[in-house]
Amino acid sequence: MTKTILVVDDEFDLTSTLRAVLERRGYRAEICSNGREAIECVTEAEPDLILLDAMLPLGNGYEVVERIRMLPGFEKTPVILMNSVPPPEGRTVRWQAFLKKPLAVKSLMDTIEKLIGPPPAQPVMATATA
């Protein structure tokens, strides 16, 4: 079964690129662009992992993580927080990983695979031989 990753970021170019990278690797990617929408997207998409920008309109990433953790069934869904600056010291950590923007694809994929494993193997299509 395909693993779903919810990407929450308000930068259209970044979400488009992340969707392409994730889908090329065999994951299903769902996108939403603000904090309020993120909660709806979580309950609808039921993601295996959430890739969450810390700086969002309509609720920042820190608030969104807290709200996600209150949703039944999502208390332990892995969250990768992303931002151009590290999270503030002393904050209760409710995410499993932090990645600094701009993202490095190898680091992102290594972190995703560490948290939820690789995507399922793509079936090999049989080819007819003459």
Protein backbone atom coordinates (compact mmCIF):
# COMPACT_ATOMS: atom_id res chain seq x y z
CA MET A 1 0.00 0.00 0.00
CA THR A 2 1.29 3.45 -0.92
CA LYS A 3 2.39 5.63 1.99
CA THR A 4 0.90 9.11 2.13
CA ILE A 5 2.86 12.23 3.06
CA LEU A 6 1.02 15.46 3.81
CA VAL A 7 3.04 18.53 2.82
CA VAL A 8 1.92 21.72 4.59
CA ASP A 9 3.60 24.85 3.23
CA ASP A 10 2.43 28.15 1.76
CA GLU A 11 5.20 28.29 -0.88
CA PHE A 12 3.62 26.97 -4.08
CA ASP A 13 6.94 26.32 -5.84
CA LEU A 14 8.22 24.29 -2.89
CA THR A 15 5.05 22.21 -2.51
CA SER A 16 5.00 21.50 -6.26
CA THR A 17 8.63 20.40 -6.17
CA LEU A 18 8.14 18.27 -3.05
CA ARG A 19 5.07 16.60 -4.57
CA ALA A 20 7.06 15.72 -7.71
CA VAL A 21 10.03 14.39 -5.71
CA LEU A 22 7.88 12.34 -3.33
CA GLU A 23 5.69 10.87 -6.06
CA ARG A 24 8.72 10.01 -8.19
CA ARG A 25 10.07 8.08 -5.20
CA GLY A 26 6.80 6.14 -4.82
CA TYR A 27 4.99 8.04 -2.07
CA ARG A 28 1.57 9.65 -2.39
CA ALA A 29 1.73 13.40 -1.65
CA GLU A 30 -1.15 15.56 -0.45
CA ILE A 31 -0.71 19.33 -0.25
CA CYS A 32 -2.26 22.08 1.85
CA SER A 33 -1.12 25.66 2.31
CA ASN A 34 -2.07 27.01 5.72
CA GLY A 35 -2.50 26.06 9.36
CA ARG A 36 -6.29 25.93 9.35
CA GLU A 37 -6.39 23.79 6.22
CA ALA A 38 -3.76 21.44 7.68
CA ILE A 39 -6.12 20.05 10.32
CA GLU A 40 -8.76 19.26 7.69
CA CYS A 41 -6.14 17.71 5.42
CA VAL A 42 -4.84 15.48 8.22
CA THR A 43 -8.27 14.02 8.94
CA GLU A 44 -9.11 13.58 5.23
CA ALA A 45 -5.75 12.25 3.95
CA GLU A 46 -4.83 10.21 7.06
CA PRO A 47 -1.11 10.64 6.27
CA ASP A 48 1.66 8.31 7.35
CA LEU A 49 3.90 11.36 7.82
CA ILE A 50 3.44 15.15 7.88
CA LEU A 51 6.02 17.53 6.41
CA LEU A 52 5.16 20.84 8.10
CA ASP A 53 6.45 24.37 7.62
CA ALA A 54 6.90 26.25 10.90
CA MET A 55 5.85 29.60 9.40
CA LEU A 56 2.33 29.35 8.00
CA PRO A 57 -0.60 31.71 7.56
CA LEU A 58 -3.68 30.96 9.70
CA GLY A 59 -1.79 29.11 12.44
CA ASN A 60 1.94 28.51 12.62
CA GLY A 61 3.50 25.07 12.47
CA TYR A 62 4.03 24.86 16.24
CA GLU A 63 0.31 25.44 16.86
CA VAL A 64 -0.61 23.01 14.10
CA VAL A 65 1.48 20.23 15.65
CA GLU A 66 -0.26 20.75 18.99
CA ARG A 67 -3.68 20.57 17.33
CA ILE A 68 -2.74 17.46 15.33
CA ARG A 69 -1.60 15.72 18.51
CA MET A 70 -5.10 16.26 19.97
CA LEU A 71 -6.79 14.49 17.04
CA PRO A 72 -7.72 10.88 17.83
CA GLY A 73 -5.43 8.51 15.93
CA PHE A 74 -2.80 11.14 15.11
CA GLU A 75 -1.04 11.38 18.46
CA LYS A 76 2.00 9.55 17.10
CA THR A 77 1.94 10.38 13.37
CA PRO A 78 5.52 11.40 12.52
CA VAL A 79 5.99 15.12 11.85
CA ILE A 80 9.00 16.69 10.16
CA LEU A 81 9.11 20.40 10.96
CA MET A 82 10.81 22.65 8.38
CA ASN A 83 12.00 26.22 8.69
CA SER A 84 14.90 28.45 7.69
CA VAL A 85 15.81 28.87 11.38
CA PRO A 86 15.91 26.22 14.12
CA PRO A 87 12.97 26.03 16.53
CA PRO A 88 13.19 28.14 19.71
CA GLU A 89 15.05 26.62 22.65
CA GLY A 90 12.98 25.22 25.49
CA ARG A 91 9.96 24.38 23.34
CA THR A 92 8.31 21.06 24.08
CA VAL A 93 9.21 18.93 21.08
CA ARG A 94 6.15 17.35 19.51
CA TRP A 95 7.79 16.51 16.16
CA GLN A 96 10.21 13.75 15.24
CA ALA A 97 12.65 15.68 13.06
CA PHE A 98 13.61 19.20 12.06
CA LEU A 99 14.98 20.07 8.61
CA LYS A 100 16.44 23.44 7.73
CA LYS A 101 15.23 25.20 4.59
CA PRO A 102 16.30 25.19 1.85
CA LEU A 103 15.81 21.45 1.96
CA ALA A 104 18.36 18.99 0.66
CA VAL A 105 16.54 16.18 -1.14
CA LYS A 106 18.88 13.45 0.16
CA SER A 107 18.47 14.60 3.75
CA LEU A 108 14.69 14.84 3.33
CA MET A 109 14.40 11.36 1.83
CA ASP A 110 16.75 9.84 4.43
CA THR A 111 14.65 11.37 7.22
CA ILE A 112 11.36 10.21 5.69
CA GLU A 113 12.66 6.66 5.22
CA LYS A 114 14.00 6.61 8.78
CA LEU A 115 10.56 7.58 10.13
CA ILE A 116 8.18 5.57 7.91
CA GLY A 117 10.38 3.33 5.80
CA PRO A 118 10.84 3.29 2.05
CA PRO A 119 7.87 3.40 -0.31
CA PRO A 120 6.56 0.02 -1.42
CA ALA A 121 8.46 -1.53 -4.29
CA GLN A 122 6.97 -0.64 -7.63
CA PRO A 123 5.74 -3.70 -9.50
CA VAL A 124 7.93 -4.64 -12.42
CA MET A 125 5.98 -4.60 -15.65
CA ALA A 126 6.44 -7.72 -17.73
CA THR A 127 7.62 -6.99 -21.23
CA ALA A 128 6.92 -9.13 -24.22
CA THR A 129 9.98 -10.46 -25.97
CA ALA A 130 10.03 -11.51 -29.58
